[in-house]
């Protein structure tokens, strides 16, 4: 009986370690995705500024 319980505990510890590693990887992936979204937002803001400037120049040219 004790050996069975010992095996269960070892198995549970392995599952905890696996789950912790998965959570860490998932967290890191989310951080990377968040950074990419932030970078994309910055690019979109820059593009928006450029488009506004282009419209201003085109309106002046009329």
PDB file of N, CA and C in Angstrom:
ATOM      1  N   UNK A   1       0.825  -1.199   0.000  1.00  0.00           N
ATOM      2  CA  UNK A   1       0.000   0.000   0.000  1.00  0.00           C
ATOM      3  C   UNK A   1       0.866   1.258   0.000  1.00  0.00           C
ATOM      4  N   UNK A   2       1.914   1.282   0.838  1.00  0.00           N
ATOM      5  CA  UNK A   2       2.787   2.452   0.914  1.00  0.00           C
ATOM      6  C   UNK A   2       3.500   2.698  -0.413  1.00  0.00           C
ATOM      7  N   UNK A   3       3.919   1.615  -1.054  1.00  0.00           N
ATOM      8  CA  UNK A   3       4.617   1.741  -2.336  1.00  0.00           C
ATOM      9  C   UNK A   3       3.671   2.328  -3.393  1.00  0.00           C
ATOM     10  N   UNK A   4       2.411   1.910  -3.355  1.00  0.00           N
ATOM     11  CA  UNK A   4       1.409   2.426  -4.281  1.00  0.00           C
ATOM     12  C   UNK A   4       1.208   3.935  -4.079  1.00  0.00           C
ATOM     13  N   UNK A   5       1.124   4.342  -2.816  1.00  0.00           N
ATOM     14  CA  UNK A   5       0.950   5.763  -2.499  1.00  0.00           C
ATOM     15  C   UNK A   5       2.183   6.563  -2.927  1.00  0.00           C
ATOM     16  N   UNK A   6       3.353   5.960  -2.690  1.00  0.00           N
ATOM     17  CA  UNK A   6       4.598   6.605  -3.096  1.00  0.00           C
ATOM     18  C   UNK A   6       4.603   6.825  -4.616  1.00  0.00           C
ATOM     19  N   UNK A   7       4.209   5.813  -5.368  1.00  0.00           N
ATOM     20  CA  UNK A   7       4.147   5.915  -6.827  1.00  0.00           C
ATOM     21  C   UNK A   7       3.149   6.993  -7.260  1.00  0.00           C
ATOM     22  N   UNK A   8       2.019   7.071  -6.561  1.00  0.00           N
ATOM     23  CA  UNK A   8       1.021   8.099  -6.886  1.00  0.00           C
ATOM     24  C   UNK A   8       1.576   9.502  -6.650  1.00  0.00           C
ATOM     25  N   UNK A   9       2.283   9.653  -5.547  1.00  0.00           N
ATOM     26  CA  UNK A   9       2.874  10.961  -5.229  1.00  0.00           C
ATOM     27  C   UNK A   9       3.912  11.338  -6.276  1.00  0.00           C
ATOM     28  N   UNK A  10       4.761  10.410  -6.636  1.00  0.00           N
ATOM     29  CA  UNK A  10       5.788  10.661  -7.659  1.00  0.00           C
ATOM     30  C   UNK A  10       5.125  11.024  -8.984  1.00  0.00           C
ATOM     31  N   UNK A  11       4.082  10.292  -9.333  1.00  0.00           N
ATOM     32  CA  UNK A  11       3.353  10.559 -10.573  1.00  0.00           C
ATOM     33  C   UNK A  11       2.734  11.955 -10.531  1.00  0.00           C
ATOM     34  N   UNK A  12       2.138  12.310  -9.392  1.00  0.00           N
ATOM     35  CA  UNK A  12       1.523  13.635  -9.244  1.00  0.00           C
ATOM     36  C   UNK A  12       2.560  14.744  -9.346  1.00  0.00           C
ATOM     37  N   UNK A  13       3.726  14.511  -8.741  1.00  0.00           N
ATOM     38  CA  UNK A  13       4.801  15.514  -8.818  1.00  0.00           C
ATOM     39  C   UNK A  13       5.262  15.703 -10.265  1.00  0.00           C
ATOM     40  N   UNK A  14       5.318  14.604 -11.005  1.00  0.00           N
ATOM     41  CA  UNK A  14       5.683  14.694 -12.421  1.00  0.00           C
ATOM     42  C   UNK A  14       4.662  15.507 -13.202  1.00  0.00           C
ATOM     43  N   UNK A  15       3.386  15.297 -12.897  1.00  0.00           N
ATOM     44  CA  UNK A  15       2.324  16.053 -13.571  1.00  0.00           C
ATOM     45  C   UNK A  15       2.421  17.547 -13.214  1.00  0.00           C
ATOM     46  N   UNK A  16       2.707  17.828 -11.954  1.00  0.00           N
ATOM     47  CA  UNK A  16       2.848  19.233 -11.533  1.00  0.00           C
ATOM     48  C   UNK A  16       4.007  19.882 -12.276  1.00  0.00           C
ATOM     49  N   UNK A  17       5.117  19.173 -12.382  1.00  0.00           N
ATOM     50  CA  UNK A  17       6.283  19.707 -13.095  1.00  0.00           C
ATOM     51  C   UNK A  17       5.953  19.949 -14.567  1.00  0.00           C
ATOM     52  N   UNK A  18       5.263  18.987 -15.186  1.00  0.00           N
ATOM     53  CA  UNK A  18       4.863  19.123 -16.593  1.00  0.00           C
ATOM     54  C   UNK A  18       3.931  20.319 -16.776  1.00  0.00           C
ATOM     55  N   UNK A  19       2.937  20.432 -15.888  1.00  0.00           N
ATOM     56  CA  UNK A  19       1.987  21.543 -15.984  1.00  0.00           C
ATOM     57  C   UNK A  19       2.671  22.880 -15.758  1.00  0.00           C
ATOM     58  N   UNK A  20       3.610  22.939 -14.835  1.00  0.00           N
ATOM     59  CA  UNK A  20       4.341  24.177 -14.568  1.00  0.00           C
ATOM     60  C   UNK A  20       5.152  24.585 -15.790  1.00  0.00           C
ATOM     61  N   UNK A  21       5.803  23.611 -16.420  1.00  0.00           N
ATOM     62  CA  UNK A  21       6.577  23.906 -17.633  1.00  0.00           C
ATOM     63  C   UNK A  21       5.661  24.404 -18.741  1.00  0.00           C
ATOM     64  N   UNK A  22       4.497  23.785 -18.891  1.00  0.00           N
ATOM     65  CA  UNK A  22       3.540  24.194 -19.930  1.00  0.00           C
ATOM     66  C   UNK A  22       3.050  25.616 -19.662  1.00  0.00           C
ATOM     67  N   UNK A  23       2.732  25.915 -18.398  1.00  0.00           N
ATOM     68  CA  UNK A  23       2.265  27.263 -18.048  1.00  0.00           C
ATOM     69  C   UNK A  23       3.355  28.285 -18.334  1.00  0.00           C
ATOM     70  N   UNK A  24       4.595  27.947 -18.018  1.00  0.00           N
ATOM     71  CA  UNK A  24       5.712  28.864 -18.268  1.00  0.00           C
ATOM     72  C   UNK A  24       5.851  29.129 -19.756  1.00  0.00           C
ATOM     73  N   UNK A  25       5.793  28.083 -20.562  1.00  0.00           N
ATOM     74  CA  UNK A  25       5.902  28.239 -22.016  1.00  0.00           C
ATOM     75  C   UNK A  25       4.739  29.089 -22.529  1.00  0.00           C
ATOM     76  N   UNK A  26       3.533  28.772 -22.056  1.00  0.00           N
ATOM     77  CA  UNK A  26       2.353  29.514 -22.495  1.00  0.00           C
ATOM     78  C   UNK A  26       2.475  30.983 -22.106  1.00  0.00           C
ATOM     79  N   UNK A  27       2.941  31.249 -20.910  1.00  0.00           N
ATOM     80  CA  UNK A  27       3.119  32.632 -20.452  1.00  0.00           C
ATOM     81  C   UNK A  27       4.126  33.354 -21.340  1.00  0.00           C
ATOM     82  N   UNK A  28       5.244  32.690 -21.644  1.00  0.00           N
ATOM     83  CA  UNK A  28       6.264  33.301 -22.499  1.00  0.00           C
ATOM     84  C   UNK A  28       5.712  33.577 -23.896  1.00  0.00           C
ATOM     85  N   UNK A  29       4.933  32.639 -24.425  1.00  0.00           N
ATOM     86  CA  UNK A  29       4.333  32.838 -25.748  1.00  0.00           C
ATOM     87  C   UNK A  29       3.359  34.011 -25.729  1.00  0.00           C
ATOM     88  N   UNK A  30       2.591  34.131 -24.655  1.00  0.00           N
ATOM     89  CA  UNK A  30       1.660  35.259 -24.531  1.00  0.00           C
ATOM     90  C   UNK A  30       2.411  36.582 -24.449  1.00  0.00           C
ATOM     91  N   UNK A  31       3.509  36.599 -23.716  1.00  0.00           N
ATOM     92  CA  UNK A  31       4.329  37.812 -23.623  1.00  0.00           C
ATOM     93  C   UNK A  31       4.870  38.201 -25.007  1.00  0.00           C
ATOM     94  N   UNK A  32       5.338  37.210 -25.749  1.00  0.00           N
ATOM     95  CA  UNK A  32       5.863  37.477 -27.091  1.00  0.00           C
ATOM     96  C   UNK A  32       4.759  37.974 -28.017  1.00  0.00           C
ATOM     97  N   UNK A  33       3.596  37.351 -27.939  1.00  0.00           N
ATOM     98  CA  UNK A  33       2.472  37.775 -28.775  1.00  0.00           C
ATOM     99  C   UNK A  33       2.051  39.192 -28.405  1.00  0.00           C
ATOM    100  N   UNK A  34       2.046  39.504 -27.126  1.00  0.00           N
ATOM    101  CA  UNK A  34       1.698  40.842 -26.668  1.00  0.00           C
ATOM    102  C   UNK A  34       2.695  41.867 -27.207  1.00  0.00           C
ATOM    103  N   UNK A  35       3.975  41.530 -27.206  1.00  0.00           N
ATOM    104  CA  UNK A  35       4.998  42.435 -27.739  1.00  0.00           C
ATOM    105  C   UNK A  35       4.805  42.636 -29.239  1.00  0.00           C
ATOM    106  N   UNK A  36       4.485  41.557 -29.958  1.00  0.00           N
ATOM    107  CA  UNK A  36       4.248  41.687 -31.403  1.00  0.00           C
ATOM    108  C   UNK A  36       3.033  42.567 -31.684  1.00  0.00           C
ATOM    109  N   UNK A  37       1.973  42.416 -30.869  1.00  0.00           N
ATOM    110  CA  UNK A  37       0.797  43.269 -31.031  1.00  0.00           C
ATOM    111  C   UNK A  37       1.137  44.735 -30.770  1.00  0.00           C
ATOM    112  N   UNK A  38       1.942  44.967 -29.752  1.00  0.00           N
ATOM    113  CA  UNK A  38       2.363  46.335 -29.444  1.00  0.00           C
ATOM    114  C   UNK A  38       3.165  46.921 -30.613  1.00  0.00           C
ATOM    115  N   UNK A  39       4.081  46.118 -31.154  1.00  0.00           N
ATOM    116  CA  UNK A  39       4.875  46.575 -32.296  1.00  0.00           C
ATOM    117  C   UNK A  39       3.980  46.888 -33.496  1.00  0.00           C
ATOM    118  N   UNK A  40       3.004  46.027 -33.732  1.00  0.00           N
ATOM    119  CA  UNK A  40       2.066  46.242 -34.833  1.00  0.00           C
ATOM    120  C   UNK A  40       1.273  47.529 -34.621  1.00  0.00           C
ATOM    121  N   UNK A  41       0.866  47.765 -33.387  1.00  0.00           N
ATOM    122  CA  UNK A  41       0.130  48.993 -33.070  1.00  0.00           C
ATOM    123  C   UNK A  41       0.982  50.228 -33.368  1.00  0.00           C
ATOM    124  N   UNK A  42       2.264  50.167 -33.025  1.00  0.00           N
ATOM    125  CA  UNK A  42       3.165  51.294 -33.291  1.00  0.00           C
ATOM    126  C   UNK A  42       3.301  51.527 -34.799  1.00  0.00           C
ATOM    127  N   UNK A  43       3.427  50.448 -35.555  1.00  0.00           N
ATOM    128  CA  UNK A  43       3.537  50.560 -37.009  1.00  0.00           C
ATOM    129  C   UNK A  43       2.252  51.173 -37.583  1.00  0.00           C
ATOM    130  N   UNK A  44       1.106  50.721 -37.072  1.00  0.00           N
ATOM    131  CA  UNK A  44      -0.170  51.244 -37.569  1.00  0.00           C
ATOM    132  C   UNK A  44      -0.314  52.737 -37.241  1.00  0.00           C
ATOM    133  N   UNK A  45       0.127  53.143 -36.063  1.00  0.00           N
ATOM    134  CA  UNK A  45       0.078  54.564 -35.705  1.00  0.00           C
ATOM    135  C   UNK A  45       0.978  55.381 -36.627  1.00  0.00           C
ATOM    136  N   UNK A  46       2.173  54.853 -36.905  1.00  0.00           N
ATOM    137  CA  UNK A  46       3.088  55.535 -37.825  1.00  0.00           C
ATOM    138  C   UNK A  46       2.468  55.642 -39.217  1.00  0.00           C
ATOM    139  N   UNK A  47       1.863  54.554 -39.680  1.00  0.00           N
ATOM    140  CA  UNK A  47       1.224  54.568 -40.998  1.00  0.00           C
ATOM    141  C   UNK A  47       0.084  55.580 -41.037  1.00  0.00           C
ATOM    142  N   UNK A  48      -0.673  55.654 -39.953  1.00  0.00           N
ATOM    143  CA  UNK A  48      -1.782  56.596 -39.870  1.00  0.00           C
ATOM    144  C   UNK A  48      -1.271  58.038 -39.975  1.00  0.00           C
ATOM    145  N   UNK A  49      -0.172  58.323 -39.284  1.00  0.00           N
ATOM    146  CA  UNK A  49       0.428  59.665 -39.351  1.00  0.00           C
ATOM    147  C   UNK A  49       0.888  59.983 -40.774  1.00  0.00           C
ATOM    148  N   UNK A  50       1.504  58.991 -41.413  1.00  0.00           N
ATOM    149  CA  UNK A  50       1.981  59.191 -42.782  1.00  0.00           C
ATOM    150  C   UNK A  50       0.813  59.425 -43.742  1.00  0.00           C
ATOM    151  N   UNK A  51      -0.260  58.677 -43.569  1.00  0.00           N
ATOM    152  CA  UNK A  51      -1.428  58.855 -44.433  1.00  0.00           C
ATOM    153  C   UNK A  51      -2.059  60.235 -44.226  1.00  0.00           C
ATOM    154  N   UNK A  52      -2.149  60.679 -42.986  1.00  0.00           N
ATOM    155  CA  UNK A  52      -2.687  62.014 -42.718  1.00  0.00           C
ATOM    156  C   UNK A  52      -1.819  63.082 -43.380  1.00  0.00           C
ATOM    157  N   UNK A  53      -0.514  62.914 -43.277  1.00  0.00           N
ATOM    158  CA  UNK A  53       0.413  63.877 -43.901  1.00  0.00           C
ATOM    159  C   UNK A  53       0.252  63.861 -45.425  1.00  0.00           C
ATOM    160  N   UNK A  54       0.088  62.681 -46.002  1.00  0.00           N
ATOM    161  CA  UNK A  54      -0.099  62.560 -47.440  1.00  0.00           C
ATOM    162  C   UNK A  54      -1.384  63.270 -47.870  1.00  0.00           C
ATOM    163  N   UNK A  55      -2.455  63.103 -47.112  1.00  0.00           N
ATOM    164  CA  UNK A  55      -3.719  63.775 -47.419  1.00  0.00           C
ATOM    165  C   UNK A  55      -3.533  65.285 -47.354  1.00  0.00           C
ATOM    166  N   UNK A  56      -2.818  65.769 -46.339  1.00  0.00           N
ATOM    167  CA  UNK A  56      -2.563  67.204 -46.219  1.00  0.00           C
ATOM    168  C   UNK A  56      -1.812  67.724 -47.446  1.00  0.00           C
ATOM    169  N   UNK A  57      -0.798  66.993 -47.863  1.00  0.00           N
ATOM    170  CA  UNK A  57      -0.014  67.428 -49.031  1.00  0.00           C
ATOM    171  C   UNK A  57      -0.856  67.407 -50.299  1.00  0.00           C
ATOM    172  N   UNK A  58      -1.678  66.375 -50.439  1.00  0.00           N
ATOM    173  CA  UNK A  58      -2.533  66.293 -51.631  1.00  0.00           C
ATOM    174  C   UNK A  58      -3.566  67.424 -51.644  1.00  0.00           C
ATOM    175  N   UNK A  59      -4.093  67.764 -50.499  1.00  0.00           N
ATOM    176  CA  UNK A  59      -5.075  68.855 -50.411  1.00  0.00           C
ATOM    177  C   UNK A  59      -4.426  70.194 -50.739  1.00  0.00           C
ATOM    178  N   UNK A  60      -3.182  70.393 -50.316  1.00  0.00           N
ATOM    179  CA  UNK A  60      -2.467  71.621 -50.624  1.00  0.00           C
ATOM    180  C   UNK A  60      -2.208  71.747 -52.129  1.00  0.00           C
ATOM    181  N   UNK A  61      -1.981  70.621 -52.758  1.00  0.00           N
ATOM    182  CA  UNK A  61      -1.638  70.597 -54.179  1.00  0.00           C
ATOM    183  C   UNK A  61      -2.836  70.987 -55.053  1.00  0.00           C
ATOM    184  N   UNK A  62      -4.066  70.793 -54.525  1.00  0.00           N
ATOM    185  CA  UNK A  62      -5.279  71.097 -55.315  1.00  0.00           C
ATOM    186  C   UNK A  62      -5.305  72.516 -55.706  1.00  0.00           C
TER     187      UNK A  62
END
